[in-house]
Amino acid sequence: MKITATSRSKKGTSASRRLRHAGRVPAIIYGGTADAASIELDHNEIYHSLRKEAFHASILNMELDGKSEQVLLRSVQWHPYKQQVLHVDFQRITATEAITTRVPLHFLNGEESPAVKLHQQVITHVTTELEITCLPADLPSSIQVELSGLDDGGNVYLEDIDLPKGVTYTGDDNPVPAAALTRGGAADDEDEDEDDVDTDAESEGNDQE
């Protein structure tokens, strides 16, 4: 994915405010062997790019003053109530140096699992991102979590997720669920029906007495 930027020499609150009024976004790029540099972006371009999930977990090709370099999106500051990007941070990427970042989880085939089909369980996505470490070339834009084998009472933990080659999990050592099961409405209704049958049976027995 590509993003276009230009260098900016003027810094400070007033300069940033003027940039935003002109449809530009102040940003910074840091890391690698070069010094941190102040840059600016076109607001419409960065706004629409940020709406794409892959933009947040991909190596980006930044065209900066006619030269291309690889970067990773690190943080975004949004206006508290307007649909406006206020500031963006990028990190330079070196092909031989590992990076640590978060990538989204995509949950697959949960509706086909025994937990859902046979036991009327509801799958809750407890965690939607995974912190990983890998070389830039191995960075996945997302990680798939297969739920078709999930059975009654089971959970899927972050440590149990199959990771792509070259990718390692770097999160908390404590077991953290990625997906958990809760009792579904169908099962509750069934139990309520059984309770009603039992109550009716007891009433009939009392009447006969």
N, C-alpha and C. Protein backbone atom coordinates (compact mmCIF):
# COMPACT_ATOMS: atom_id res chain seq x y z
N MET A 1 0.84 -1.18 0.00
CA MET A 1 0.00 0.00 0.00
C MET A 1 0.88 1.24 0.00
N LYS A 2 0.39 2.31 -0.62
CA LYS A 2 1.20 3.52 -0.79
C LYS A 2 0.57 4.71 -0.07
N ILE A 3 1.44 5.61 0.34
CA ILE A 3 1.01 6.88 0.92
C ILE A 3 2.00 7.95 0.47
N THR A 4 1.49 9.13 0.13
CA THR A 4 2.34 10.22 -0.34
C THR A 4 2.50 11.27 0.74
N ALA A 5 3.73 11.74 0.94
CA ALA A 5 4.01 12.75 1.96
C ALA A 5 5.02 13.75 1.43
N THR A 6 5.05 14.92 2.06
CA THR A 6 6.06 15.94 1.76
C THR A 6 6.65 16.45 3.06
N SER A 7 7.88 16.91 3.00
CA SER A 7 8.54 17.43 4.20
C SER A 7 7.91 18.76 4.59
N ARG A 8 7.94 19.07 5.87
CA ARG A 8 7.46 20.38 6.34
C ARG A 8 8.53 20.97 7.26
N SER A 9 8.76 22.25 7.08
CA SER A 9 9.80 22.93 7.86
C SER A 9 9.22 23.67 9.06
N LYS A 10 7.98 24.12 8.95
CA LYS A 10 7.36 24.88 10.03
C LYS A 10 6.70 23.92 11.02
N LYS A 11 6.99 24.13 12.30
CA LYS A 11 6.45 23.27 13.34
C LYS A 11 5.70 24.11 14.37
N GLY A 12 5.10 23.44 15.32
CA GLY A 12 4.39 24.17 16.38
C GLY A 12 2.89 24.13 16.17
N THR A 13 2.17 24.55 17.19
CA THR A 13 0.71 24.50 17.19
C THR A 13 0.10 25.35 16.10
N SER A 14 0.61 26.57 15.92
CA SER A 14 0.04 27.47 14.92
C SER A 14 0.25 26.93 13.52
N ALA A 15 1.45 26.41 13.25
CA ALA A 15 1.75 25.86 11.94
C ALA A 15 0.87 24.64 11.65
N SER A 16 0.67 23.79 12.66
CA SER A 16 -0.17 22.61 12.48
C SER A 16 -1.61 23.00 12.22
N ARG A 17 -2.08 24.05 12.91
CA ARG A 17 -3.45 24.51 12.71
C ARG A 17 -3.65 25.03 11.28
N ARG A 18 -2.66 25.74 10.79
CA ARG A 18 -2.76 26.24 9.41
C ARG A 18 -2.77 25.10 8.40
N LEU A 19 -1.97 24.09 8.66
CA LEU A 19 -1.96 22.92 7.78
C LEU A 19 -3.34 22.27 7.71
N ARG A 20 -3.94 22.09 8.86
CA ARG A 20 -5.24 21.43 8.90
C ARG A 20 -6.32 22.26 8.20
N HIS A 21 -6.25 23.56 8.34
CA HIS A 21 -7.20 24.43 7.64
C HIS A 21 -7.03 24.34 6.13
N ALA A 22 -5.84 23.98 5.70
CA ALA A 22 -5.55 23.86 4.27
C ALA A 22 -5.77 22.44 3.75
N GLY A 23 -6.36 21.58 4.58
CA GLY A 23 -6.64 20.21 4.14
C GLY A 23 -5.44 19.29 4.22
N ARG A 24 -4.48 19.64 5.07
CA ARG A 24 -3.28 18.83 5.24
C ARG A 24 -3.24 18.28 6.67
N VAL A 25 -2.41 17.26 6.88
CA VAL A 25 -2.29 16.64 8.19
C VAL A 25 -0.82 16.60 8.60
N PRO A 26 -0.46 17.19 9.74
CA PRO A 26 0.92 17.09 10.21
C PRO A 26 1.21 15.66 10.66
N ALA A 27 2.44 15.21 10.40
CA ALA A 27 2.83 13.85 10.76
C ALA A 27 4.32 13.82 11.04
N ILE A 28 4.77 12.68 11.51
CA ILE A 28 6.20 12.50 11.77
C ILE A 28 6.61 11.11 11.33
N ILE A 29 7.85 10.98 10.90
CA ILE A 29 8.42 9.70 10.54
C ILE A 29 9.72 9.55 11.31
N TYR A 30 9.91 8.40 11.94
CA TYR A 30 11.09 8.21 12.80
C TYR A 30 11.61 6.78 12.64
N GLY A 31 12.74 6.50 13.28
CA GLY A 31 13.31 5.16 13.25
C GLY A 31 14.32 4.99 12.12
N GLY A 32 14.90 3.81 12.07
CA GLY A 32 15.91 3.54 11.06
C GLY A 32 17.22 4.26 11.37
N THR A 33 17.97 4.55 10.36
CA THR A 33 19.26 5.22 10.54
C THR A 33 19.17 6.73 10.39
N ALA A 34 18.04 7.25 9.97
CA ALA A 34 17.88 8.69 9.77
C ALA A 34 17.21 9.33 10.98
N ASP A 35 17.33 10.64 11.07
CA ASP A 35 16.70 11.39 12.15
C ASP A 35 15.19 11.44 11.95
N ALA A 36 14.48 11.68 13.01
CA ALA A 36 13.04 11.90 12.89
C ALA A 36 12.78 13.12 12.02
N ALA A 37 11.74 13.05 11.20
CA ALA A 37 11.45 14.13 10.27
C ALA A 37 9.97 14.51 10.34
N SER A 38 9.69 15.80 10.29
CA SER A 38 8.32 16.30 10.25
C SER A 38 7.83 16.28 8.81
N ILE A 39 6.65 15.72 8.59
CA ILE A 39 6.10 15.62 7.25
C ILE A 39 4.64 16.05 7.28
N GLU A 40 4.04 16.16 6.11
CA GLU A 40 2.62 16.46 6.02
C GLU A 40 1.98 15.58 4.97
N LEU A 41 0.66 15.32 5.17
CA LEU A 41 -0.09 14.42 4.30
C LEU A 41 -1.35 15.11 3.81
N ASP A 42 -1.87 14.62 2.70
CA ASP A 42 -3.18 15.08 2.24
C ASP A 42 -4.26 14.45 3.12
N HIS A 43 -5.14 15.27 3.67
CA HIS A 43 -6.13 14.74 4.62
C HIS A 43 -7.04 13.71 3.99
N ASN A 44 -7.56 13.97 2.81
CA ASN A 44 -8.49 13.03 2.20
C ASN A 44 -7.83 11.67 1.94
N GLU A 45 -6.59 11.71 1.48
CA GLU A 45 -5.89 10.47 1.18
C GLU A 45 -5.68 9.64 2.45
N ILE A 46 -5.16 10.26 3.50
CA ILE A 46 -4.87 9.52 4.72
C ILE A 46 -6.18 9.10 5.42
N TYR A 47 -7.20 9.94 5.34
CA TYR A 47 -8.47 9.61 5.97
C TYR A 47 -9.05 8.33 5.37
N HIS A 48 -9.10 8.23 4.05
CA HIS A 48 -9.66 7.05 3.40
C HIS A 48 -8.74 5.84 3.57
N SER A 49 -7.44 6.06 3.63
CA SER A 49 -6.51 4.94 3.86
C SER A 49 -6.71 4.35 5.24
N LEU A 50 -6.94 5.20 6.23
CA LEU A 50 -7.11 4.73 7.60
C LEU A 50 -8.39 3.94 7.80
N ARG A 51 -9.33 4.06 6.89
CA ARG A 51 -10.57 3.30 6.97
C ARG A 51 -10.39 1.86 6.48
N LYS A 52 -9.23 1.56 5.90
CA LYS A 52 -8.93 0.22 5.43
C LYS A 52 -8.17 -0.54 6.52
N GLU A 53 -8.67 -1.69 6.89
CA GLU A 53 -8.05 -2.46 7.97
C GLU A 53 -6.60 -2.80 7.67
N ALA A 54 -6.32 -3.17 6.42
CA ALA A 54 -4.97 -3.60 6.06
C ALA A 54 -3.95 -2.47 6.21
N PHE A 55 -4.39 -1.22 6.11
CA PHE A 55 -3.46 -0.09 6.22
C PHE A 55 -2.82 -0.04 7.59
N HIS A 56 -3.49 -0.57 8.60
CA HIS A 56 -3.00 -0.51 9.97
C HIS A 56 -2.01 -1.62 10.29
N ALA A 57 -1.93 -2.64 9.45
CA ALA A 57 -1.05 -3.78 9.73
C ALA A 57 -0.32 -4.23 8.47
N SER A 58 0.17 -3.27 7.72
CA SER A 58 0.90 -3.57 6.50
C SER A 58 2.14 -2.69 6.40
N ILE A 59 3.14 -3.18 5.71
CA ILE A 59 4.30 -2.35 5.39
C ILE A 59 3.87 -1.40 4.27
N LEU A 60 3.99 -0.11 4.52
CA LEU A 60 3.55 0.91 3.57
C LEU A 60 4.72 1.47 2.79
N ASN A 61 4.49 1.74 1.54
CA ASN A 61 5.49 2.42 0.71
C ASN A 61 5.19 3.92 0.71
N MET A 62 6.00 4.68 1.42
CA MET A 62 5.79 6.11 1.50
C MET A 62 6.64 6.83 0.46
N GLU A 63 5.97 7.63 -0.35
CA GLU A 63 6.67 8.49 -1.32
C GLU A 63 6.90 9.83 -0.64
N LEU A 64 8.11 10.09 -0.22
CA LEU A 64 8.43 11.31 0.50
C LEU A 64 9.39 12.16 -0.32
N ASP A 65 8.90 13.27 -0.83
CA ASP A 65 9.72 14.18 -1.64
C ASP A 65 10.37 13.45 -2.81
N GLY A 66 9.61 12.57 -3.43
CA GLY A 66 10.11 11.87 -4.61
C GLY A 66 10.91 10.62 -4.32
N LYS A 67 11.17 10.32 -3.06
CA LYS A 67 11.92 9.12 -2.70
C LYS A 67 11.00 8.17 -1.95
N SER A 68 11.23 6.89 -2.16
CA SER A 68 10.37 5.88 -1.55
C SER A 68 11.08 5.19 -0.38
N GLU A 69 10.34 4.99 0.70
CA GLU A 69 10.86 4.22 1.82
C GLU A 69 9.72 3.48 2.48
N GLN A 70 10.06 2.37 3.14
CA GLN A 70 9.05 1.55 3.77
C GLN A 70 8.82 2.00 5.22
N VAL A 71 7.55 2.09 5.58
CA VAL A 71 7.18 2.55 6.92
C VAL A 71 6.04 1.70 7.46
N LEU A 72 5.81 1.84 8.75
CA LEU A 72 4.71 1.17 9.43
C LEU A 72 3.92 2.21 10.21
N LEU A 73 2.62 2.20 10.08
CA LEU A 73 1.77 3.12 10.84
C LEU A 73 1.88 2.79 12.32
N ARG A 74 2.15 3.82 13.14
CA ARG A 74 2.31 3.58 14.57
C ARG A 74 1.20 4.19 15.42
N SER A 75 0.74 5.37 15.11
CA SER A 75 -0.34 5.96 15.91
C SER A 75 -1.07 7.02 15.09
N VAL A 76 -2.32 7.23 15.47
CA VAL A 76 -3.16 8.22 14.80
C VAL A 76 -3.92 9.01 15.87
N GLN A 77 -3.95 10.31 15.71
CA GLN A 77 -4.72 11.16 16.61
C GLN A 77 -5.91 11.72 15.84
N TRP A 78 -7.12 11.46 16.36
CA TRP A 78 -8.35 11.93 15.73
C TRP A 78 -8.94 13.09 16.52
N HIS A 79 -9.68 13.93 15.81
CA HIS A 79 -10.45 14.98 16.48
C HIS A 79 -11.49 14.31 17.37
N PRO A 80 -11.76 14.84 18.55
CA PRO A 80 -12.67 14.18 19.49
C PRO A 80 -14.09 13.99 18.98
N TYR A 81 -14.57 14.82 18.06
CA TYR A 81 -15.93 14.62 17.58
C TYR A 81 -16.11 14.84 16.08
N LYS A 82 -15.10 15.36 15.39
CA LYS A 82 -15.17 15.50 13.95
C LYS A 82 -14.48 14.32 13.26
N GLN A 83 -14.89 14.06 12.03
CA GLN A 83 -14.21 13.04 11.23
C GLN A 83 -12.95 13.66 10.62
N GLN A 84 -11.99 13.96 11.51
CA GLN A 84 -10.78 14.65 11.08
C GLN A 84 -9.56 14.01 11.72
N VAL A 85 -8.55 13.75 10.88
CA VAL A 85 -7.27 13.22 11.35
C VAL A 85 -6.40 14.40 11.77
N LEU A 86 -5.90 14.36 13.00
CA LEU A 86 -5.11 15.48 13.51
C LEU A 86 -3.61 15.27 13.39
N HIS A 87 -3.16 14.04 13.57
CA HIS A 87 -1.72 13.78 13.52
C HIS A 87 -1.48 12.29 13.32
N VAL A 88 -0.38 11.96 12.63
CA VAL A 88 -0.05 10.56 12.35
C VAL A 88 1.44 10.33 12.59
N ASP A 89 1.77 9.17 13.16
CA ASP A 89 3.16 8.77 13.36
C ASP A 89 3.46 7.54 12.51
N PHE A 90 4.62 7.56 11.84
CA PHE A 90 5.09 6.43 11.07
C PHE A 90 6.49 6.03 11.56
N GLN A 91 6.80 4.74 11.44
CA GLN A 91 8.13 4.26 11.78
C GLN A 91 8.79 3.69 10.53
N ARG A 92 10.04 4.08 10.31
CA ARG A 92 10.80 3.50 9.20
C ARG A 92 11.07 2.02 9.47
N ILE A 93 11.08 1.23 8.42
CA ILE A 93 11.27 -0.21 8.54
C ILE A 93 12.55 -0.63 7.83
N THR A 94 13.33 -1.47 8.51
CA THR A 94 14.52 -2.07 7.92
C THR A 94 14.25 -3.55 7.71
N ALA A 95 14.55 -4.05 6.52
CA ALA A 95 14.18 -5.42 6.15
C ALA A 95 14.77 -6.47 7.08
N THR A 96 15.92 -6.19 7.66
CA THR A 96 16.60 -7.20 8.48
C THR A 96 16.30 -7.07 9.98
N GLU A 97 15.49 -6.09 10.36
CA GLU A 97 15.17 -5.89 11.78
C GLU A 97 13.72 -6.26 12.06
N ALA A 98 13.54 -7.09 13.10
CA ALA A 98 12.19 -7.53 13.47
C ALA A 98 11.37 -6.35 14.00
N ILE A 99 10.08 -6.42 13.78
CA ILE A 99 9.16 -5.40 14.27
C ILE A 99 8.11 -6.05 15.16
N THR A 100 7.61 -5.29 16.11
CA THR A 100 6.53 -5.75 16.97
C THR A 100 5.33 -4.85 16.74
N THR A 101 4.22 -5.45 16.44
CA THR A 101 3.02 -4.67 16.15
C THR A 101 1.79 -5.52 16.41
N ARG A 102 0.62 -4.94 16.24
CA ARG A 102 -0.64 -5.65 16.44
C ARG A 102 -1.34 -5.83 15.10
N VAL A 103 -1.89 -7.03 14.91
CA VAL A 103 -2.62 -7.32 13.67
C VAL A 103 -4.02 -7.82 14.04
N PRO A 104 -5.01 -7.58 13.18
CA PRO A 104 -6.38 -7.99 13.49
C PRO A 104 -6.57 -9.50 13.37
N LEU A 105 -7.50 -10.03 14.16
CA LEU A 105 -7.89 -11.43 14.10
C LEU A 105 -9.18 -11.56 13.29
N HIS A 106 -9.21 -12.54 12.38
CA HIS A 106 -10.41 -12.83 11.61
C HIS A 106 -10.90 -14.21 12.03
N PHE A 107 -12.10 -14.29 12.60
CA PHE A 107 -12.65 -15.54 13.10
C PHE A 107 -13.47 -16.21 12.00
N LEU A 108 -13.20 -17.51 11.77
CA LEU A 108 -13.80 -18.23 10.65
C LEU A 108 -14.62 -19.43 11.13
N ASN A 109 -15.76 -19.65 10.47
CA ASN A 109 -16.54 -20.89 10.57
C ASN A 109 -17.06 -21.20 11.97
N GLY A 110 -17.26 -20.18 12.77
CA GLY A 110 -17.82 -20.41 14.09
C GLY A 110 -19.21 -21.00 14.03
N GLU A 111 -20.01 -20.61 13.02
CA GLU A 111 -21.38 -21.10 12.93
C GLU A 111 -21.45 -22.58 12.59
N GLU A 112 -20.31 -23.14 12.11
CA GLU A 112 -20.25 -24.56 11.77
C GLU A 112 -19.76 -25.42 12.93
N SER A 113 -19.40 -24.82 14.02
CA SER A 113 -18.82 -25.56 15.14
C SER A 113 -19.90 -26.34 15.91
N PRO A 114 -19.52 -27.45 16.55
CA PRO A 114 -20.48 -28.19 17.39
C PRO A 114 -21.06 -27.32 18.50
N ALA A 115 -20.26 -26.39 19.02
CA ALA A 115 -20.74 -25.54 20.09
C ALA A 115 -21.98 -24.76 19.67
N VAL A 116 -22.00 -24.29 18.43
CA VAL A 116 -23.12 -23.49 17.93
C VAL A 116 -24.23 -24.38 17.38
N LYS A 117 -23.86 -25.37 16.54
CA LYS A 117 -24.86 -26.17 15.84
C LYS A 117 -25.57 -27.17 16.77
N LEU A 118 -24.82 -27.76 17.70
CA LEU A 118 -25.39 -28.81 18.55
C LEU A 118 -25.79 -28.33 19.94
N HIS A 119 -25.07 -27.31 20.44
CA HIS A 119 -25.29 -26.91 21.83
C HIS A 119 -25.84 -25.49 21.97
N GLN A 120 -26.16 -24.85 20.84
CA GLN A 120 -26.77 -23.51 20.86
C GLN A 120 -25.94 -22.51 21.66
N GLN A 121 -24.62 -22.65 21.58
CA GLN A 121 -23.75 -21.71 22.26
C GLN A 121 -23.55 -20.46 21.40
N VAL A 122 -23.20 -19.35 22.05
CA VAL A 122 -22.91 -18.10 21.34
C VAL A 122 -21.42 -17.82 21.50
N ILE A 123 -20.74 -17.59 20.38
CA ILE A 123 -19.30 -17.32 20.40
C ILE A 123 -19.08 -15.81 20.55
N THR A 124 -18.32 -15.44 21.54
CA THR A 124 -17.97 -14.04 21.76
C THR A 124 -16.51 -13.83 21.41
N HIS A 125 -16.24 -12.83 20.59
CA HIS A 125 -14.86 -12.49 20.23
C HIS A 125 -14.29 -11.59 21.31
N VAL A 126 -13.55 -12.18 22.21
CA VAL A 126 -13.02 -11.46 23.36
C VAL A 126 -11.90 -10.53 22.95
N THR A 127 -11.06 -10.99 22.05
CA THR A 127 -9.90 -10.23 21.58
C THR A 127 -9.98 -10.09 20.08
N THR A 128 -9.72 -8.91 19.57
CA THR A 128 -9.81 -8.69 18.12
C THR A 128 -8.45 -8.43 17.48
N GLU A 129 -7.38 -8.31 18.30
CA GLU A 129 -6.04 -8.06 17.76
C GLU A 129 -5.05 -8.94 18.49
N LEU A 130 -3.92 -9.20 17.83
CA LEU A 130 -2.86 -10.02 18.42
C LEU A 130 -1.54 -9.29 18.26
N GLU A 131 -0.77 -9.21 19.34
CA GLU A 131 0.55 -8.58 19.27
C GLU A 131 1.57 -9.62 18.83
N ILE A 132 2.28 -9.32 17.78
CA ILE A 132 3.23 -10.27 17.21
C ILE A 132 4.57 -9.61 16.94
N THR A 133 5.59 -10.45 16.74
CA THR A 133 6.91 -10.00 16.32
C THR A 133 7.33 -10.81 15.10
N CYS A 134 7.88 -10.13 14.11
CA CYS A 134 8.32 -10.81 12.89
C CYS A 134 9.18 -9.86 12.07
N LEU A 135 9.82 -10.39 11.05
CA LEU A 135 10.52 -9.55 10.08
C LEU A 135 9.48 -8.87 9.19
N PRO A 136 9.80 -7.71 8.65
CA PRO A 136 8.82 -7.00 7.81
C PRO A 136 8.25 -7.85 6.68
N ALA A 137 9.07 -8.68 6.08
CA ALA A 137 8.59 -9.50 4.96
C ALA A 137 7.56 -10.54 5.40
N ASP A 138 7.55 -10.90 6.68
CA ASP A 138 6.63 -11.92 7.18
C ASP A 138 5.37 -11.34 7.81
N LEU A 139 5.23 -10.02 7.81
CA LEU A 139 4.10 -9.39 8.49
C LEU A 139 2.79 -9.72 7.79
N PRO A 140 1.85 -10.39 8.48
CA PRO A 140 0.54 -10.66 7.88
C PRO A 140 -0.39 -9.48 8.09
N SER A 141 -1.28 -9.23 7.16
CA SER A 141 -2.24 -8.14 7.32
C SER A 141 -3.34 -8.52 8.29
N SER A 142 -3.51 -9.84 8.51
CA SER A 142 -4.47 -10.34 9.50
C SER A 142 -4.11 -11.78 9.81
N ILE A 143 -4.68 -12.31 10.89
CA ILE A 143 -4.45 -13.69 11.28
C ILE A 143 -5.81 -14.37 11.41
N GLN A 144 -5.94 -15.52 10.77
CA GLN A 144 -7.20 -16.24 10.78
C GLN A 144 -7.27 -17.19 11.97
N VAL A 145 -8.44 -17.22 12.60
CA VAL A 145 -8.68 -18.09 13.73
C VAL A 145 -9.81 -19.05 13.37
N GLU A 146 -9.49 -20.32 13.23
CA GLU A 146 -10.47 -21.33 12.84
C GLU A 146 -11.29 -21.78 14.05
N LEU A 147 -12.61 -21.64 13.95
CA LEU A 147 -13.49 -21.97 15.08
C LEU A 147 -14.39 -23.17 14.80
N SER A 148 -14.23 -23.85 13.68
CA SER A 148 -15.14 -24.93 13.32
C SER A 148 -15.06 -26.11 14.28
N GLY A 149 -13.93 -26.26 14.99
CA GLY A 149 -13.79 -27.38 15.92
C GLY A 149 -14.17 -27.05 17.35
N LEU A 150 -14.68 -25.86 17.58
CA LEU A 150 -15.01 -25.44 18.94
C LEU A 150 -16.22 -26.21 19.46
N ASP A 151 -16.05 -26.85 20.62
CA ASP A 151 -17.13 -27.67 21.17
C ASP A 151 -17.69 -27.02 22.44
N ASP A 152 -18.73 -27.63 22.97
CA ASP A 152 -19.43 -27.10 24.14
C ASP A 152 -18.46 -26.87 25.30
N GLY A 153 -18.48 -25.64 25.85
CA GLY A 153 -17.63 -25.33 26.98
C GLY A 153 -16.19 -24.98 26.64
N GLY A 154 -15.85 -24.96 25.37
CA GLY A 154 -14.47 -24.70 24.98
C GLY A 154 -14.19 -23.23 24.74
N ASN A 155 -12.93 -22.86 24.87
CA ASN A 155 -12.47 -21.52 24.54
C ASN A 155 -11.28 -21.61 23.61
N VAL A 156 -10.99 -20.54 22.90
CA VAL A 156 -9.79 -20.46 22.07
C VAL A 156 -8.90 -19.39 22.68
N TYR A 157 -7.69 -19.77 23.06
CA TYR A 157 -6.76 -18.84 23.69
C TYR A 157 -5.76 -18.31 22.67
N LEU A 158 -5.25 -17.10 22.95
CA LEU A 158 -4.31 -16.48 22.02
C LEU A 158 -3.11 -17.38 21.76
N GLU A 159 -2.64 -18.08 22.80
CA GLU A 159 -1.48 -18.93 22.66
C GLU A 159 -1.75 -20.15 21.77
N ASP A 160 -3.02 -20.47 21.53
CA ASP A 160 -3.39 -21.64 20.74
C ASP A 160 -3.55 -21.33 19.25
N ILE A 161 -3.49 -20.07 18.87
CA ILE A 161 -3.73 -19.69 17.49
C ILE A 161 -2.53 -20.08 16.62
N ASP A 162 -2.83 -20.70 15.49
CA ASP A 162 -1.78 -21.08 14.54
C ASP A 162 -1.29 -19.81 13.83
N LEU A 163 -0.01 -19.51 14.00
CA LEU A 163 0.57 -18.31 13.41
C LEU A 163 1.28 -18.62 12.10
N PRO A 164 1.32 -17.67 11.19
CA PRO A 164 2.07 -17.86 9.95
C PRO A 164 3.55 -18.07 10.22
N LYS A 165 4.24 -18.62 9.26
CA LYS A 165 5.67 -18.88 9.39
C LYS A 165 6.43 -17.58 9.63
N GLY A 166 7.34 -17.61 10.60
CA GLY A 166 8.16 -16.44 10.89
C GLY A 166 7.53 -15.47 11.87
N VAL A 167 6.33 -15.78 12.36
CA VAL A 167 5.60 -14.89 13.25
C VAL A 167 5.52 -15.52 14.64
N THR A 168 5.80 -14.73 15.69
CA THR A 168 5.69 -15.22 17.06
C THR A 168 4.76 -14.32 17.86
N TYR A 169 4.08 -14.90 18.83
CA TYR A 169 3.18 -14.18 19.71
C TYR A 169 4.00 -13.54 20.83
N THR A 170 3.77 -12.26 21.10
CA THR A 170 4.57 -11.55 22.10
C THR A 170 3.71 -10.92 23.19
N GLY A 171 2.51 -11.42 23.36
CA GLY A 171 1.63 -10.83 24.35
C GLY A 171 1.84 -11.38 25.74
N ASP A 172 0.82 -11.24 26.57
CA ASP A 172 0.87 -11.65 27.98
C ASP A 172 1.05 -13.16 28.08
N ASP A 173 1.85 -13.60 29.06
CA ASP A 173 2.05 -15.02 29.29
C ASP A 173 0.83 -15.69 29.90
N ASN A 174 -0.02 -14.92 30.56
CA ASN A 174 -1.23 -15.48 31.15
C ASN A 174 -2.22 -15.89 30.06
N PRO A 175 -2.94 -16.99 30.26
CA PRO A 175 -3.90 -17.43 29.25
C PRO A 175 -4.98 -16.37 29.01
N VAL A 176 -5.05 -15.88 27.80
CA VAL A 176 -6.04 -14.85 27.45
C VAL A 176 -6.91 -15.40 26.34
N PRO A 177 -8.23 -15.48 26.53
CA PRO A 177 -9.09 -16.03 25.48
C PRO A 177 -9.24 -15.09 24.29
N ALA A 178 -9.21 -15.67 23.10
CA ALA A 178 -9.52 -14.92 21.89
C ALA A 178 -11.00 -15.02 21.59
N ALA A 179 -11.57 -16.18 21.89
CA ALA A 179 -13.00 -16.40 21.70
C ALA A 179 -13.52 -17.25 22.85
N ALA A 180 -14.69 -16.92 23.35
CA ALA A 180 -15.28 -17.65 24.47
C ALA A 180 -16.74 -17.96 24.15
N LEU A 181 -17.28 -18.92 24.88
CA LEU A 181 -18.65 -19.36 24.66
C LEU A 181 -19.57 -18.90 25.77
N THR A 182 -20.75 -18.50 25.40
CA THR A 182 -21.80 -18.20 26.38
C THR A 182 -23.05 -18.95 25.96
N ARG A 183 -23.94 -19.15 26.90
CA ARG A 183 -25.15 -19.91 26.62
C ARG A 183 -26.08 -19.14 25.71
N GLY A 184 -26.61 -19.79 24.70
CA GLY A 184 -27.47 -19.12 23.74
C GLY A 184 -28.92 -19.08 24.16
N GLY A 185 -29.70 -18.23 23.47
CA GLY A 185 -31.11 -18.07 23.80
C GLY A 185 -31.92 -19.32 23.57
N ALA A 186 -31.51 -20.12 22.54
CA ALA A 186 -32.28 -21.31 22.20
C ALA A 186 -32.25 -22.32 23.35
N ALA A 187 -31.04 -22.45 23.95
CA ALA A 187 -30.91 -23.39 25.06
C ALA A 187 -31.73 -22.92 26.25
N ASP A 188 -31.74 -21.61 26.51
CA ASP A 188 -32.51 -21.07 27.62
C ASP A 188 -34.00 -21.32 27.43
N ASP A 189 -34.48 -21.12 26.19
CA ASP A 189 -35.89 -21.33 25.91
C ASP A 189 -36.28 -22.78 26.12
N GLU A 190 -35.34 -23.70 25.71
CA GLU A 190 -35.60 -25.11 25.85
C GLU A 190 -35.75 -25.49 27.32
N ASP A 191 -34.84 -24.95 28.16
CA ASP A 191 -34.91 -25.23 29.58
C ASP A 191 -36.19 -24.69 30.19
N GLU A 192 -36.59 -23.48 29.72
CA GLU A 192 -37.81 -22.89 30.23
C GLU A 192 -39.01 -23.75 29.88
N ASP A 193 -39.01 -24.33 28.65
CA ASP A 193 -40.11 -25.21 28.24
C ASP A 193 -40.16 -26.44 29.12
N GLU A 194 -38.95 -27.00 29.44
CA GLU A 194 -38.91 -28.17 30.30
C GLU A 194 -39.45 -27.84 31.68
N ASP A 195 -39.11 -26.64 32.19
CA ASP A 195 -39.61 -26.24 33.49
C ASP A 195 -41.13 -26.12 33.47
N ASP A 196 -41.68 -25.59 32.35
CA ASP A 196 -43.12 -25.46 32.25
C ASP A 196 -43.79 -26.82 32.26
N VAL A 197 -43.19 -27.81 31.55
CA VAL A 197 -43.75 -29.16 31.50
C VAL A 197 -43.78 -29.77 32.90
N ASP A 198 -42.65 -29.60 33.62
CA ASP A 198 -42.58 -30.15 34.97
C ASP A 198 -43.63 -29.52 35.87
N THR A 199 -43.80 -28.20 35.73
CA THR A 199 -44.78 -27.49 36.55
C THR A 199 -46.19 -27.96 36.25
N ASP A 200 -46.47 -28.15 34.96
CA ASP A 200 -47.79 -28.62 34.57
C ASP A 200 -48.06 -30.01 35.11
N ALA A 201 -47.01 -30.85 35.05
CA ALA A 201 -47.18 -32.22 35.53
C ALA A 201 -47.47 -32.25 37.01
N GLU A 202 -46.77 -31.39 37.76
CA GLU A 202 -46.98 -31.32 39.19
C GLU A 202 -48.40 -30.83 39.50
N SER A 203 -48.89 -29.86 38.70
CA SER A 203 -50.23 -29.32 38.92
C SER A 203 -51.28 -30.39 38.70
N GLU A 204 -51.10 -31.21 37.61
CA GLU A 204 -52.04 -32.26 37.33
C GLU A 204 -52.06 -33.27 38.45
N GLY A 205 -50.86 -33.58 38.96
CA GLY A 205 -50.78 -34.56 40.05
C GLY A 205 -51.51 -34.06 41.27
N ASN A 206 -51.36 -32.77 41.56
CA ASN A 206 -52.04 -32.20 42.72
C ASN A 206 -53.55 -32.21 42.56
N ASP A 207 -54.01 -31.97 41.32
CA ASP A 207 -55.43 -31.95 41.06
C ASP A 207 -56.04 -33.32 41.29
N GLN A 208 -55.27 -34.37 40.87
CA GLN A 208 -55.78 -35.73 41.01
C GLN A 208 -55.87 -36.10 42.48
N GLU A 209 -54.94 -35.59 43.29
CA GLU A 209 -54.98 -35.89 44.70
C GLU A 209 -56.22 -35.24 45.32
